[in-house]
Amino acid sequence: MDTTDTTALRAVALVCTLSPSPGSSSSQLLAEQTMAALGEHGVTGGIIRIADHDVRSGVQTDMGDGDAWPEIRDAVLSADILIVSTPIWLGHPSSIAQRVMERLNAELSESDDQGRMLTYGKVAAVCVVGNEDGAHKVSADLFQGLNDVGFSLAPNAVTYWVGEAMQGTDYQDLDKTPEKTAATTATLAANTAHLARRLKASPYPPSS
């Protein structure tokens, strides 16, 4: 844990598996491991599996008629850190991850009394799992979108695991977490918590 600053931080992880609970999910597992790693740096928070909620398609903060996004948005805006965890499907983030990004697009129209997006000062990171190569491509897609809608990214802001091509092993089926993935998750947590504390102590300047 960073002993130089004990500022309390909160994180929320949005798990974008296509499988609703109680179905097993490698994306859920890697998000849980990332939240545990963040806990080593004094970060608390929770995990939301998007498939369990009626998140409507669209680019508004509230699509009405039972849309679950406003409550999830409140959790995101109340947190200092956002984790987006997605599987790779056909070389891309899941359709649910894309829907989350589309809903976050609405933040482009929201600002505080100093003209800053409400997401300014919040730090994002990404978890990716799959059975084929593509983790760098998927994280690049999400990084660009998250940065566009106001989130900051620390160095090494992705942790991932991809299995051998054309094989069926899932991350959750491994006997133990690979050392490289565990080390990458730990680095993500340390850097993300560090940046979140710095931004909380010293916010971005007003936007003109």
N, C-alpha and C. Protein backbone atom coordinates (compact mmCIF):
# COMPACT_ATOMS: atom_id res chain seq x y z
N MET A 1 0.84 -1.20 0.00
CA MET A 1 0.00 0.00 0.00
C MET A 1 0.87 1.25 0.00
N ASP A 2 0.41 2.29 -0.71
CA ASP A 2 1.12 3.56 -0.75
C ASP A 2 1.02 4.23 0.61
N THR A 3 2.12 4.26 1.33
CA THR A 3 2.10 4.79 2.70
C THR A 3 2.31 6.30 2.72
N THR A 4 2.56 6.92 1.58
CA THR A 4 2.78 8.35 1.54
C THR A 4 1.47 9.13 1.48
N ASP A 5 0.36 8.48 1.19
CA ASP A 5 -0.92 9.16 1.07
C ASP A 5 -2.02 8.15 1.37
N THR A 6 -2.84 8.45 2.34
CA THR A 6 -3.90 7.51 2.74
C THR A 6 -5.28 8.05 2.37
N THR A 7 -5.34 8.97 1.41
CA THR A 7 -6.62 9.49 0.94
C THR A 7 -7.54 8.34 0.55
N ALA A 8 -8.75 8.35 1.07
CA ALA A 8 -9.70 7.29 0.75
C ALA A 8 -10.12 7.37 -0.72
N LEU A 9 -10.17 6.23 -1.37
CA LEU A 9 -10.59 6.16 -2.76
C LEU A 9 -11.65 5.09 -2.92
N ARG A 10 -12.55 5.30 -3.88
CA ARG A 10 -13.56 4.30 -4.22
C ARG A 10 -13.41 3.94 -5.69
N ALA A 11 -13.69 2.67 -5.98
CA ALA A 11 -13.65 2.18 -7.35
C ALA A 11 -14.95 1.43 -7.65
N VAL A 12 -15.33 1.45 -8.92
CA VAL A 12 -16.43 0.60 -9.37
C VAL A 12 -15.96 -0.12 -10.62
N ALA A 13 -16.24 -1.41 -10.68
CA ALA A 13 -15.89 -2.21 -11.85
C ALA A 13 -17.17 -2.58 -12.59
N LEU A 14 -17.22 -2.27 -13.86
CA LEU A 14 -18.34 -2.66 -14.72
C LEU A 14 -17.93 -3.88 -15.52
N VAL A 15 -18.53 -5.01 -15.21
CA VAL A 15 -18.20 -6.28 -15.88
C VAL A 15 -19.11 -6.43 -17.09
N CYS A 16 -18.50 -6.59 -18.26
CA CYS A 16 -19.25 -6.56 -19.52
C CYS A 16 -19.33 -7.93 -20.18
N THR A 17 -19.30 -8.99 -19.37
CA THR A 17 -19.57 -10.32 -19.88
C THR A 17 -20.97 -10.36 -20.49
N LEU A 18 -21.17 -11.25 -21.46
CA LEU A 18 -22.51 -11.42 -22.03
C LEU A 18 -23.39 -12.29 -21.15
N SER A 19 -22.79 -12.93 -20.14
CA SER A 19 -23.52 -13.89 -19.29
C SER A 19 -24.05 -13.21 -18.03
N PRO A 20 -25.36 -13.24 -17.81
CA PRO A 20 -25.89 -12.70 -16.55
C PRO A 20 -25.56 -13.62 -15.39
N SER A 21 -25.66 -13.10 -14.19
CA SER A 21 -25.47 -13.92 -12.99
C SER A 21 -26.59 -14.96 -12.92
N PRO A 22 -26.34 -16.15 -12.37
CA PRO A 22 -25.11 -16.55 -11.69
C PRO A 22 -24.10 -17.25 -12.59
N GLY A 23 -24.21 -17.05 -13.88
CA GLY A 23 -23.29 -17.70 -14.80
C GLY A 23 -21.85 -17.33 -14.51
N SER A 24 -20.96 -18.29 -14.72
CA SER A 24 -19.54 -18.04 -14.47
C SER A 24 -19.00 -17.08 -15.52
N SER A 25 -17.94 -16.35 -15.17
CA SER A 25 -17.42 -15.33 -16.07
C SER A 25 -15.96 -15.06 -15.78
N SER A 26 -15.12 -15.21 -16.80
CA SER A 26 -13.71 -14.87 -16.65
C SER A 26 -13.53 -13.36 -16.49
N SER A 27 -14.37 -12.58 -17.14
CA SER A 27 -14.31 -11.12 -16.98
C SER A 27 -14.61 -10.72 -15.55
N GLN A 28 -15.57 -11.41 -14.94
CA GLN A 28 -15.89 -11.14 -13.54
C GLN A 28 -14.71 -11.49 -12.64
N LEU A 29 -14.08 -12.65 -12.91
CA LEU A 29 -12.94 -13.08 -12.08
C LEU A 29 -11.80 -12.08 -12.15
N LEU A 30 -11.44 -11.64 -13.35
CA LEU A 30 -10.32 -10.70 -13.46
C LEU A 30 -10.68 -9.36 -12.83
N ALA A 31 -11.94 -8.95 -12.93
CA ALA A 31 -12.37 -7.72 -12.25
C ALA A 31 -12.26 -7.86 -10.74
N GLU A 32 -12.65 -9.02 -10.21
CA GLU A 32 -12.54 -9.26 -8.77
C GLU A 32 -11.08 -9.21 -8.33
N GLN A 33 -10.20 -9.81 -9.12
CA GLN A 33 -8.78 -9.80 -8.78
C GLN A 33 -8.21 -8.38 -8.83
N THR A 34 -8.68 -7.59 -9.77
CA THR A 34 -8.23 -6.20 -9.88
C THR A 34 -8.73 -5.38 -8.70
N MET A 35 -9.97 -5.59 -8.30
CA MET A 35 -10.50 -4.87 -7.14
C MET A 35 -9.75 -5.27 -5.88
N ALA A 36 -9.38 -6.55 -5.77
CA ALA A 36 -8.60 -6.99 -4.62
C ALA A 36 -7.22 -6.34 -4.61
N ALA A 37 -6.61 -6.22 -5.80
CA ALA A 37 -5.32 -5.56 -5.90
C ALA A 37 -5.42 -4.08 -5.54
N LEU A 38 -6.49 -3.43 -5.96
CA LEU A 38 -6.71 -2.04 -5.57
C LEU A 38 -6.89 -1.92 -4.06
N GLY A 39 -7.52 -2.93 -3.46
CA GLY A 39 -7.69 -2.93 -2.01
C GLY A 39 -6.38 -2.88 -1.26
N GLU A 40 -5.31 -3.40 -1.87
CA GLU A 40 -3.98 -3.32 -1.26
C GLU A 40 -3.48 -1.89 -1.17
N HIS A 41 -4.13 -0.99 -1.91
CA HIS A 41 -3.76 0.42 -1.90
C HIS A 41 -4.85 1.29 -1.27
N GLY A 42 -5.65 0.67 -0.42
CA GLY A 42 -6.65 1.41 0.32
C GLY A 42 -7.87 1.81 -0.47
N VAL A 43 -8.14 1.13 -1.57
CA VAL A 43 -9.29 1.45 -2.41
C VAL A 43 -10.43 0.48 -2.08
N THR A 44 -11.62 1.02 -1.85
CA THR A 44 -12.80 0.20 -1.63
C THR A 44 -13.75 0.36 -2.81
N GLY A 45 -14.78 -0.46 -2.87
CA GLY A 45 -15.74 -0.31 -3.96
C GLY A 45 -16.49 -1.58 -4.24
N GLY A 46 -17.10 -1.64 -5.42
CA GLY A 46 -17.93 -2.78 -5.76
C GLY A 46 -17.90 -3.08 -7.25
N ILE A 47 -18.56 -4.18 -7.60
CA ILE A 47 -18.60 -4.68 -8.98
C ILE A 47 -20.04 -4.73 -9.44
N ILE A 48 -20.29 -4.29 -10.67
CA ILE A 48 -21.61 -4.34 -11.28
C ILE A 48 -21.51 -5.15 -12.56
N ARG A 49 -22.28 -6.24 -12.64
CA ARG A 49 -22.33 -7.00 -13.88
C ARG A 49 -23.45 -6.43 -14.73
N ILE A 50 -23.09 -5.80 -15.83
CA ILE A 50 -24.05 -5.04 -16.62
C ILE A 50 -25.17 -5.92 -17.17
N ALA A 51 -24.87 -7.17 -17.49
CA ALA A 51 -25.89 -8.07 -18.05
C ALA A 51 -27.02 -8.34 -17.07
N ASP A 52 -26.82 -8.04 -15.79
CA ASP A 52 -27.87 -8.24 -14.79
C ASP A 52 -28.84 -7.07 -14.73
N HIS A 53 -28.60 -6.03 -15.52
CA HIS A 53 -29.38 -4.81 -15.43
C HIS A 53 -29.90 -4.40 -16.81
N ASP A 54 -31.01 -3.69 -16.81
CA ASP A 54 -31.63 -3.25 -18.05
C ASP A 54 -31.02 -1.93 -18.49
N VAL A 55 -29.84 -2.03 -19.09
CA VAL A 55 -29.15 -0.85 -19.59
C VAL A 55 -29.54 -0.68 -21.06
N ARG A 56 -30.26 0.40 -21.34
CA ARG A 56 -30.79 0.62 -22.69
C ARG A 56 -29.70 1.12 -23.64
N SER A 57 -29.89 0.84 -24.90
CA SER A 57 -29.00 1.38 -25.93
C SER A 57 -29.30 2.86 -26.12
N GLY A 58 -28.26 3.66 -26.30
CA GLY A 58 -28.45 5.08 -26.51
C GLY A 58 -27.27 5.88 -26.04
N VAL A 59 -27.34 7.18 -26.20
CA VAL A 59 -26.25 8.07 -25.83
C VAL A 59 -26.76 9.20 -24.95
N GLN A 60 -27.68 8.84 -24.05
CA GLN A 60 -28.21 9.80 -23.09
C GLN A 60 -27.94 9.30 -21.67
N THR A 61 -27.95 10.20 -20.71
CA THR A 61 -27.72 9.79 -19.32
C THR A 61 -28.90 9.01 -18.78
N ASP A 62 -30.09 9.20 -19.33
CA ASP A 62 -31.29 8.50 -18.86
C ASP A 62 -32.20 8.26 -20.05
N MET A 63 -32.40 6.98 -20.40
CA MET A 63 -33.27 6.62 -21.52
C MET A 63 -34.71 6.40 -21.09
N GLY A 64 -34.98 6.56 -19.78
CA GLY A 64 -36.35 6.45 -19.28
C GLY A 64 -36.89 5.03 -19.28
N ASP A 65 -38.14 4.88 -18.83
CA ASP A 65 -38.88 3.62 -18.91
C ASP A 65 -38.10 2.45 -18.32
N GLY A 66 -37.62 2.62 -17.10
CA GLY A 66 -36.94 1.52 -16.41
C GLY A 66 -35.47 1.36 -16.73
N ASP A 67 -34.90 2.28 -17.46
CA ASP A 67 -33.48 2.21 -17.80
C ASP A 67 -32.64 2.16 -16.52
N ALA A 68 -31.74 1.19 -16.44
CA ALA A 68 -30.92 1.01 -15.23
C ALA A 68 -29.66 1.86 -15.24
N TRP A 69 -29.34 2.50 -16.37
CA TRP A 69 -28.08 3.23 -16.44
C TRP A 69 -27.97 4.38 -15.44
N PRO A 70 -29.04 5.17 -15.18
CA PRO A 70 -28.87 6.28 -14.23
C PRO A 70 -28.30 5.86 -12.87
N GLU A 71 -28.73 4.73 -12.35
CA GLU A 71 -28.21 4.26 -11.06
C GLU A 71 -26.75 3.84 -11.20
N ILE A 72 -26.43 3.16 -12.31
CA ILE A 72 -25.04 2.77 -12.54
C ILE A 72 -24.18 4.00 -12.75
N ARG A 73 -24.69 4.97 -13.47
CA ARG A 73 -23.96 6.23 -13.68
C ARG A 73 -23.66 6.90 -12.35
N ASP A 74 -24.63 6.89 -11.44
CA ASP A 74 -24.38 7.48 -10.12
C ASP A 74 -23.22 6.80 -9.43
N ALA A 75 -23.14 5.47 -9.57
CA ALA A 75 -22.02 4.73 -8.96
C ALA A 75 -20.70 5.13 -9.60
N VAL A 76 -20.69 5.31 -10.92
CA VAL A 76 -19.47 5.71 -11.62
C VAL A 76 -19.04 7.11 -11.17
N LEU A 77 -19.99 8.04 -11.11
CA LEU A 77 -19.66 9.42 -10.76
C LEU A 77 -19.30 9.56 -9.28
N SER A 78 -19.74 8.62 -8.45
CA SER A 78 -19.39 8.65 -7.03
C SER A 78 -18.02 8.04 -6.76
N ALA A 79 -17.48 7.35 -7.76
CA ALA A 79 -16.19 6.67 -7.60
C ALA A 79 -15.05 7.53 -8.11
N ASP A 80 -13.85 7.21 -7.68
CA ASP A 80 -12.63 7.86 -8.17
C ASP A 80 -12.00 7.06 -9.31
N ILE A 81 -12.32 5.76 -9.36
CA ILE A 81 -11.72 4.85 -10.32
C ILE A 81 -12.81 4.03 -11.00
N LEU A 82 -12.73 3.92 -12.32
CA LEU A 82 -13.64 3.07 -13.09
C LEU A 82 -12.83 1.95 -13.74
N ILE A 83 -13.26 0.71 -13.51
CA ILE A 83 -12.67 -0.45 -14.17
C ILE A 83 -13.70 -0.99 -15.16
N VAL A 84 -13.32 -1.16 -16.40
CA VAL A 84 -14.17 -1.80 -17.41
C VAL A 84 -13.55 -3.15 -17.75
N SER A 85 -14.30 -4.22 -17.50
CA SER A 85 -13.79 -5.57 -17.73
C SER A 85 -14.60 -6.23 -18.83
N THR A 86 -13.93 -6.69 -19.88
CA THR A 86 -14.64 -7.23 -21.04
C THR A 86 -13.97 -8.48 -21.59
N PRO A 87 -14.76 -9.38 -22.14
CA PRO A 87 -14.18 -10.45 -22.95
C PRO A 87 -13.90 -9.94 -24.36
N ILE A 88 -13.12 -10.70 -25.10
CA ILE A 88 -12.90 -10.43 -26.52
C ILE A 88 -13.89 -11.29 -27.31
N TRP A 89 -14.66 -10.65 -28.17
CA TRP A 89 -15.55 -11.40 -29.06
C TRP A 89 -15.30 -10.91 -30.48
N LEU A 90 -14.90 -11.85 -31.36
CA LEU A 90 -14.62 -11.52 -32.76
C LEU A 90 -13.62 -10.37 -32.88
N GLY A 91 -12.65 -10.37 -31.95
CA GLY A 91 -11.59 -9.38 -32.00
C GLY A 91 -11.94 -8.02 -31.45
N HIS A 92 -13.11 -7.88 -30.82
CA HIS A 92 -13.57 -6.59 -30.31
C HIS A 92 -14.02 -6.71 -28.86
N PRO A 93 -14.19 -5.56 -28.17
CA PRO A 93 -14.85 -5.62 -26.87
C PRO A 93 -16.25 -6.18 -27.04
N SER A 94 -16.83 -6.71 -25.98
CA SER A 94 -18.18 -7.26 -26.08
C SER A 94 -19.18 -6.17 -26.45
N SER A 95 -20.33 -6.59 -26.95
CA SER A 95 -21.39 -5.63 -27.30
C SER A 95 -21.85 -4.87 -26.06
N ILE A 96 -21.78 -5.51 -24.90
CA ILE A 96 -22.16 -4.81 -23.66
C ILE A 96 -21.15 -3.74 -23.31
N ALA A 97 -19.86 -4.02 -23.51
CA ALA A 97 -18.84 -3.00 -23.29
C ALA A 97 -19.07 -1.82 -24.22
N GLN A 98 -19.42 -2.10 -25.46
CA GLN A 98 -19.70 -1.02 -26.41
C GLN A 98 -20.90 -0.20 -25.95
N ARG A 99 -21.91 -0.87 -25.41
CA ARG A 99 -23.08 -0.15 -24.91
C ARG A 99 -22.71 0.76 -23.74
N VAL A 100 -21.85 0.25 -22.85
CA VAL A 100 -21.38 1.08 -21.73
C VAL A 100 -20.67 2.32 -22.26
N MET A 101 -19.82 2.15 -23.27
CA MET A 101 -19.10 3.29 -23.83
C MET A 101 -20.07 4.28 -24.47
N GLU A 102 -21.10 3.77 -25.12
CA GLU A 102 -22.09 4.65 -25.74
C GLU A 102 -22.84 5.45 -24.68
N ARG A 103 -23.16 4.81 -23.57
CA ARG A 103 -23.85 5.55 -22.50
C ARG A 103 -22.92 6.58 -21.86
N LEU A 104 -21.64 6.23 -21.72
CA LEU A 104 -20.67 7.18 -21.17
C LEU A 104 -20.48 8.37 -22.11
N ASN A 105 -20.78 8.19 -23.39
CA ASN A 105 -20.65 9.27 -24.35
C ASN A 105 -21.51 10.48 -23.96
N ALA A 106 -22.58 10.24 -23.21
CA ALA A 106 -23.44 11.33 -22.77
C ALA A 106 -22.70 12.32 -21.87
N GLU A 107 -21.60 11.87 -21.25
CA GLU A 107 -20.86 12.76 -20.34
C GLU A 107 -20.21 13.92 -21.09
N LEU A 108 -20.11 13.82 -22.41
CA LEU A 108 -19.58 14.93 -23.19
C LEU A 108 -20.43 16.19 -23.06
N SER A 109 -21.70 15.99 -22.71
CA SER A 109 -22.64 17.12 -22.60
C SER A 109 -22.85 17.57 -21.16
N GLU A 110 -22.16 16.94 -20.21
CA GLU A 110 -22.35 17.26 -18.79
C GLU A 110 -21.09 17.95 -18.26
N SER A 111 -21.26 18.97 -17.44
CA SER A 111 -20.10 19.67 -16.90
C SER A 111 -20.40 20.26 -15.53
N ASP A 112 -19.33 20.56 -14.79
CA ASP A 112 -19.49 21.20 -13.49
C ASP A 112 -19.51 22.72 -13.66
N ASP A 113 -19.52 23.45 -12.55
CA ASP A 113 -19.64 24.90 -12.63
C ASP A 113 -18.37 25.58 -13.13
N GLN A 114 -17.32 24.79 -13.39
CA GLN A 114 -16.10 25.34 -13.97
C GLN A 114 -15.85 24.83 -15.38
N GLY A 115 -16.90 24.25 -15.96
CA GLY A 115 -16.82 23.82 -17.34
C GLY A 115 -16.15 22.50 -17.59
N ARG A 116 -15.80 21.77 -16.53
CA ARG A 116 -15.13 20.48 -16.69
C ARG A 116 -16.15 19.35 -16.74
N MET A 117 -15.89 18.35 -17.58
CA MET A 117 -16.75 17.17 -17.57
C MET A 117 -16.75 16.56 -16.17
N LEU A 118 -17.86 15.95 -15.80
CA LEU A 118 -17.98 15.38 -14.47
C LEU A 118 -17.04 14.20 -14.25
N THR A 119 -16.50 13.67 -15.32
CA THR A 119 -15.56 12.55 -15.25
C THR A 119 -14.11 13.02 -15.11
N TYR A 120 -13.87 14.32 -15.26
CA TYR A 120 -12.51 14.83 -15.09
C TYR A 120 -12.02 14.51 -13.67
N GLY A 121 -10.79 14.07 -13.56
CA GLY A 121 -10.24 13.72 -12.25
C GLY A 121 -10.48 12.28 -11.86
N LYS A 122 -11.28 11.57 -12.66
CA LYS A 122 -11.50 10.14 -12.40
C LYS A 122 -10.56 9.33 -13.29
N VAL A 123 -10.12 8.20 -12.78
CA VAL A 123 -9.12 7.39 -13.47
C VAL A 123 -9.76 6.07 -13.91
N ALA A 124 -9.47 5.66 -15.12
CA ALA A 124 -10.04 4.42 -15.65
C ALA A 124 -8.94 3.40 -15.93
N ALA A 125 -9.32 2.14 -15.92
CA ALA A 125 -8.44 1.04 -16.29
C ALA A 125 -9.29 -0.07 -16.89
N VAL A 126 -8.64 -1.02 -17.53
CA VAL A 126 -9.34 -2.01 -18.34
C VAL A 126 -8.84 -3.41 -18.01
N CYS A 127 -9.76 -4.37 -18.00
CA CYS A 127 -9.44 -5.80 -17.90
C CYS A 127 -9.96 -6.49 -19.15
N VAL A 128 -9.16 -7.39 -19.72
CA VAL A 128 -9.55 -8.07 -20.96
C VAL A 128 -9.23 -9.56 -20.84
N VAL A 129 -10.16 -10.40 -21.25
CA VAL A 129 -9.92 -11.84 -21.29
C VAL A 129 -10.42 -12.40 -22.62
N GLY A 130 -9.78 -13.47 -23.10
CA GLY A 130 -10.22 -14.09 -24.34
C GLY A 130 -9.42 -15.33 -24.66
N ASN A 131 -9.84 -16.01 -25.71
CA ASN A 131 -9.17 -17.23 -26.14
C ASN A 131 -8.37 -17.02 -27.42
N GLU A 132 -8.31 -15.79 -27.89
CA GLU A 132 -7.54 -15.46 -29.07
C GLU A 132 -6.76 -14.18 -28.78
N ASP A 133 -5.79 -13.88 -29.61
CA ASP A 133 -5.07 -12.62 -29.49
C ASP A 133 -6.03 -11.45 -29.70
N GLY A 134 -5.67 -10.29 -29.21
CA GLY A 134 -6.51 -9.12 -29.41
C GLY A 134 -6.64 -8.23 -28.20
N ALA A 135 -5.97 -8.55 -27.10
CA ALA A 135 -6.11 -7.75 -25.88
C ALA A 135 -5.62 -6.33 -26.08
N HIS A 136 -4.54 -6.15 -26.85
CA HIS A 136 -4.03 -4.80 -27.09
C HIS A 136 -5.00 -3.99 -27.93
N LYS A 137 -5.60 -4.62 -28.92
CA LYS A 137 -6.57 -3.93 -29.77
C LYS A 137 -7.80 -3.53 -28.97
N VAL A 138 -8.30 -4.45 -28.15
CA VAL A 138 -9.49 -4.17 -27.35
C VAL A 138 -9.22 -3.07 -26.34
N SER A 139 -8.07 -3.14 -25.66
CA SER A 139 -7.76 -2.09 -24.69
C SER A 139 -7.56 -0.75 -25.39
N ALA A 140 -6.98 -0.74 -26.58
CA ALA A 140 -6.80 0.51 -27.32
C ALA A 140 -8.14 1.14 -27.65
N ASP A 141 -9.10 0.33 -28.07
CA ASP A 141 -10.44 0.84 -28.36
C ASP A 141 -11.05 1.48 -27.12
N LEU A 142 -10.96 0.78 -26.00
CA LEU A 142 -11.57 1.28 -24.77
C LEU A 142 -10.81 2.49 -24.23
N PHE A 143 -9.49 2.46 -24.31
CA PHE A 143 -8.69 3.61 -23.85
C PHE A 143 -9.10 4.89 -24.57
N GLN A 144 -9.22 4.81 -25.88
CA GLN A 144 -9.58 6.01 -26.65
C GLN A 144 -10.94 6.54 -26.23
N GLY A 145 -11.91 5.63 -26.11
CA GLY A 145 -13.24 6.05 -25.71
C GLY A 145 -13.28 6.62 -24.31
N LEU A 146 -12.62 5.97 -23.37
CA LEU A 146 -12.62 6.45 -21.99
C LEU A 146 -11.95 7.81 -21.88
N ASN A 147 -10.86 8.01 -22.63
CA ASN A 147 -10.19 9.30 -22.61
C ASN A 147 -11.07 10.38 -23.26
N ASP A 148 -11.76 10.03 -24.32
CA ASP A 148 -12.65 10.98 -24.99
C ASP A 148 -13.72 11.51 -24.05
N VAL A 149 -14.22 10.65 -23.16
CA VAL A 149 -15.32 11.07 -22.28
C VAL A 149 -14.80 11.53 -20.92
N GLY A 150 -13.51 11.83 -20.81
CA GLY A 150 -13.01 12.55 -19.66
C GLY A 150 -12.18 11.81 -18.64
N PHE A 151 -12.03 10.50 -18.79
CA PHE A 151 -11.25 9.73 -17.81
C PHE A 151 -9.76 9.84 -18.10
N SER A 152 -8.96 9.78 -17.04
CA SER A 152 -7.51 9.76 -17.16
C SER A 152 -7.02 8.31 -17.07
N LEU A 153 -5.87 8.05 -17.66
CA LEU A 153 -5.30 6.71 -17.70
C LEU A 153 -3.89 6.73 -17.15
N ALA A 154 -3.63 5.87 -16.19
CA ALA A 154 -2.28 5.73 -15.66
C ALA A 154 -1.44 4.86 -16.61
N PRO A 155 -0.11 4.86 -16.46
CA PRO A 155 0.69 3.92 -17.23
C PRO A 155 0.28 2.48 -16.92
N ASN A 156 0.34 1.63 -17.93
CA ASN A 156 0.00 0.20 -17.77
C ASN A 156 -1.39 0.03 -17.19
N ALA A 157 -2.37 0.70 -17.80
CA ALA A 157 -3.74 0.71 -17.28
C ALA A 157 -4.60 -0.44 -17.80
N VAL A 158 -3.96 -1.54 -18.20
CA VAL A 158 -4.71 -2.72 -18.62
C VAL A 158 -4.05 -3.96 -18.05
N THR A 159 -4.90 -4.90 -17.63
CA THR A 159 -4.44 -6.25 -17.30
C THR A 159 -5.23 -7.21 -18.16
N TYR A 160 -4.59 -8.30 -18.58
CA TYR A 160 -5.30 -9.18 -19.50
C TYR A 160 -4.73 -10.59 -19.48
N TRP A 161 -5.52 -11.48 -20.05
CA TRP A 161 -5.07 -12.85 -20.30
C TRP A 161 -5.75 -13.32 -21.56
N VAL A 162 -4.99 -13.90 -22.47
CA VAL A 162 -5.57 -14.52 -23.65
C VAL A 162 -5.01 -15.93 -23.78
N GLY A 163 -5.90 -16.87 -24.04
CA GLY A 163 -5.49 -18.25 -24.19
C GLY A 163 -4.97 -18.55 -25.58
N GLU A 164 -4.50 -19.77 -25.74
CA GLU A 164 -3.98 -20.20 -27.03
C GLU A 164 -5.05 -20.12 -28.11
N ALA A 165 -4.66 -19.69 -29.30
CA ALA A 165 -5.60 -19.56 -30.40
C ALA A 165 -6.27 -20.88 -30.73
N MET A 166 -7.57 -20.80 -31.02
CA MET A 166 -8.38 -21.94 -31.44
C MET A 166 -8.46 -23.04 -30.39
N GLN A 167 -8.34 -22.64 -29.12
CA GLN A 167 -8.51 -23.56 -28.01
C GLN A 167 -9.65 -23.05 -27.13
N GLY A 168 -10.14 -23.89 -26.21
CA GLY A 168 -11.33 -23.54 -25.46
C GLY A 168 -11.12 -23.22 -23.99
N THR A 169 -9.88 -23.11 -23.54
CA THR A 169 -9.63 -22.83 -22.13
C THR A 169 -9.99 -21.39 -21.78
N ASP A 170 -10.76 -21.21 -20.70
CA ASP A 170 -11.09 -19.88 -20.21
C ASP A 170 -10.18 -19.53 -19.05
N TYR A 171 -10.05 -18.24 -18.81
CA TYR A 171 -9.23 -17.75 -17.70
C TYR A 171 -9.69 -18.36 -16.38
N GLN A 172 -11.01 -18.45 -16.20
CA GLN A 172 -11.55 -18.97 -14.94
C GLN A 172 -11.28 -20.47 -14.76
N ASP A 173 -10.88 -21.15 -15.84
CA ASP A 173 -10.62 -22.59 -15.76
C ASP A 173 -9.17 -22.91 -15.41
N LEU A 174 -8.31 -21.90 -15.33
CA LEU A 174 -6.91 -22.15 -15.01
C LEU A 174 -6.76 -22.61 -13.57
N ASP A 175 -5.78 -23.45 -13.32
CA ASP A 175 -5.54 -23.93 -11.96
C ASP A 175 -5.08 -22.81 -11.04
N LYS A 176 -4.33 -21.87 -11.59
CA LYS A 176 -3.90 -20.71 -10.81
C LYS A 176 -3.69 -19.54 -11.74
N THR A 177 -3.68 -18.36 -11.18
CA THR A 177 -3.47 -17.16 -11.98
C THR A 177 -2.03 -17.12 -12.48
N PRO A 178 -1.83 -16.93 -13.79
CA PRO A 178 -0.45 -16.83 -14.30
C PRO A 178 0.31 -15.69 -13.64
N GLU A 179 1.58 -15.90 -13.36
CA GLU A 179 2.38 -14.89 -12.66
C GLU A 179 2.40 -13.57 -13.42
N LYS A 180 2.51 -13.62 -14.74
CA LYS A 180 2.57 -12.39 -15.52
C LYS A 180 1.27 -11.60 -15.40
N THR A 181 0.14 -12.29 -15.43
CA THR A 181 -1.14 -11.59 -15.30
C THR A 181 -1.26 -11.00 -13.90
N ALA A 182 -0.90 -11.75 -12.88
CA ALA A 182 -0.97 -11.25 -11.51
C ALA A 182 -0.08 -10.03 -11.33
N ALA A 183 1.12 -10.07 -11.90
CA ALA A 183 2.03 -8.93 -11.78
C ALA A 183 1.49 -7.71 -12.52
N THR A 184 0.88 -7.94 -13.67
CA THR A 184 0.30 -6.84 -14.44
C THR A 184 -0.88 -6.22 -13.71
N THR A 185 -1.70 -7.06 -13.09
CA THR A 185 -2.83 -6.56 -12.29
C THR A 185 -2.34 -5.72 -11.13
N ALA A 186 -1.28 -6.17 -10.47
CA ALA A 186 -0.71 -5.42 -9.35
C ALA A 186 -0.18 -4.06 -9.80
N THR A 187 0.46 -4.02 -10.97
CA THR A 187 0.97 -2.75 -11.49
C THR A 187 -0.17 -1.81 -11.85
N LEU A 188 -1.19 -2.34 -12.50
CA LEU A 188 -2.37 -1.54 -12.82
C LEU A 188 -2.93 -0.90 -11.55
N ALA A 189 -3.09 -1.70 -10.51
CA ALA A 189 -3.68 -1.21 -9.25
C ALA A 189 -2.82 -0.12 -8.63
N ALA A 190 -1.52 -0.34 -8.56
CA ALA A 190 -0.62 0.64 -7.94
C ALA A 190 -0.63 1.96 -8.69
N ASN A 191 -0.52 1.89 -10.02
CA ASN A 191 -0.46 3.11 -10.81
C ASN A 191 -1.79 3.85 -10.85
N THR A 192 -2.88 3.08 -10.93
CA THR A 192 -4.20 3.69 -11.00
C THR A 192 -4.55 4.37 -9.68
N ALA A 193 -4.29 3.72 -8.56
CA ALA A 193 -4.56 4.33 -7.26
C ALA A 193 -3.69 5.56 -7.05
N HIS A 194 -2.43 5.48 -7.47
CA HIS A 194 -1.52 6.62 -7.33
C HIS A 194 -2.04 7.83 -8.10
N LEU A 195 -2.42 7.62 -9.36
CA LEU A 195 -2.90 8.73 -10.17
C LEU A 195 -4.22 9.29 -9.63
N ALA A 196 -5.11 8.40 -9.18
CA ALA A 196 -6.39 8.87 -8.63
C ALA A 196 -6.17 9.75 -7.41
N ARG A 197 -5.22 9.39 -6.56
CA ARG A 197 -4.93 10.22 -5.38
C ARG A 197 -4.34 11.57 -5.79
N ARG A 198 -3.47 11.56 -6.78
CA ARG A 198 -2.88 12.82 -7.21
C ARG A 198 -3.95 13.75 -7.79
N LEU A 199 -4.85 13.20 -8.59
CA LEU A 199 -5.88 14.02 -9.20
C LEU A 199 -6.92 14.49 -8.19
N LYS A 200 -7.17 13.67 -7.17
CA LYS A 200 -8.11 14.09 -6.13
C LYS A 200 -7.52 15.25 -5.33
N ALA A 201 -6.23 15.23 -5.13
CA ALA A 201 -5.57 16.30 -4.38
C ALA A 201 -5.36 17.55 -5.21
N SER A 202 -5.21 17.38 -6.51
CA SER A 202 -4.93 18.50 -7.40
C SER A 202 -5.75 18.38 -8.67
N PRO A 203 -7.01 18.87 -8.64
CA PRO A 203 -7.92 18.71 -9.81
C PRO A 203 -7.40 19.42 -11.05
N TYR A 204 -7.94 19.00 -12.18
CA TYR A 204 -7.62 19.67 -13.44
C TYR A 204 -8.12 21.11 -13.40
N PRO A 205 -7.49 22.00 -14.18
CA PRO A 205 -7.92 23.40 -14.19
C PRO A 205 -9.29 23.56 -14.85
N PRO A 206 -9.95 24.69 -14.59
CA PRO A 206 -11.25 24.95 -15.26
C PRO A 206 -11.11 24.92 -16.76
N SER A 207 -12.18 24.50 -17.44
CA SER A 207 -12.18 24.47 -18.90
C SER A 207 -12.71 25.80 -19.44
N SER A 208 -12.09 26.30 -20.47
CA SER A 208 -12.52 27.59 -21.03
C SER A 208 -13.69 27.37 -21.99
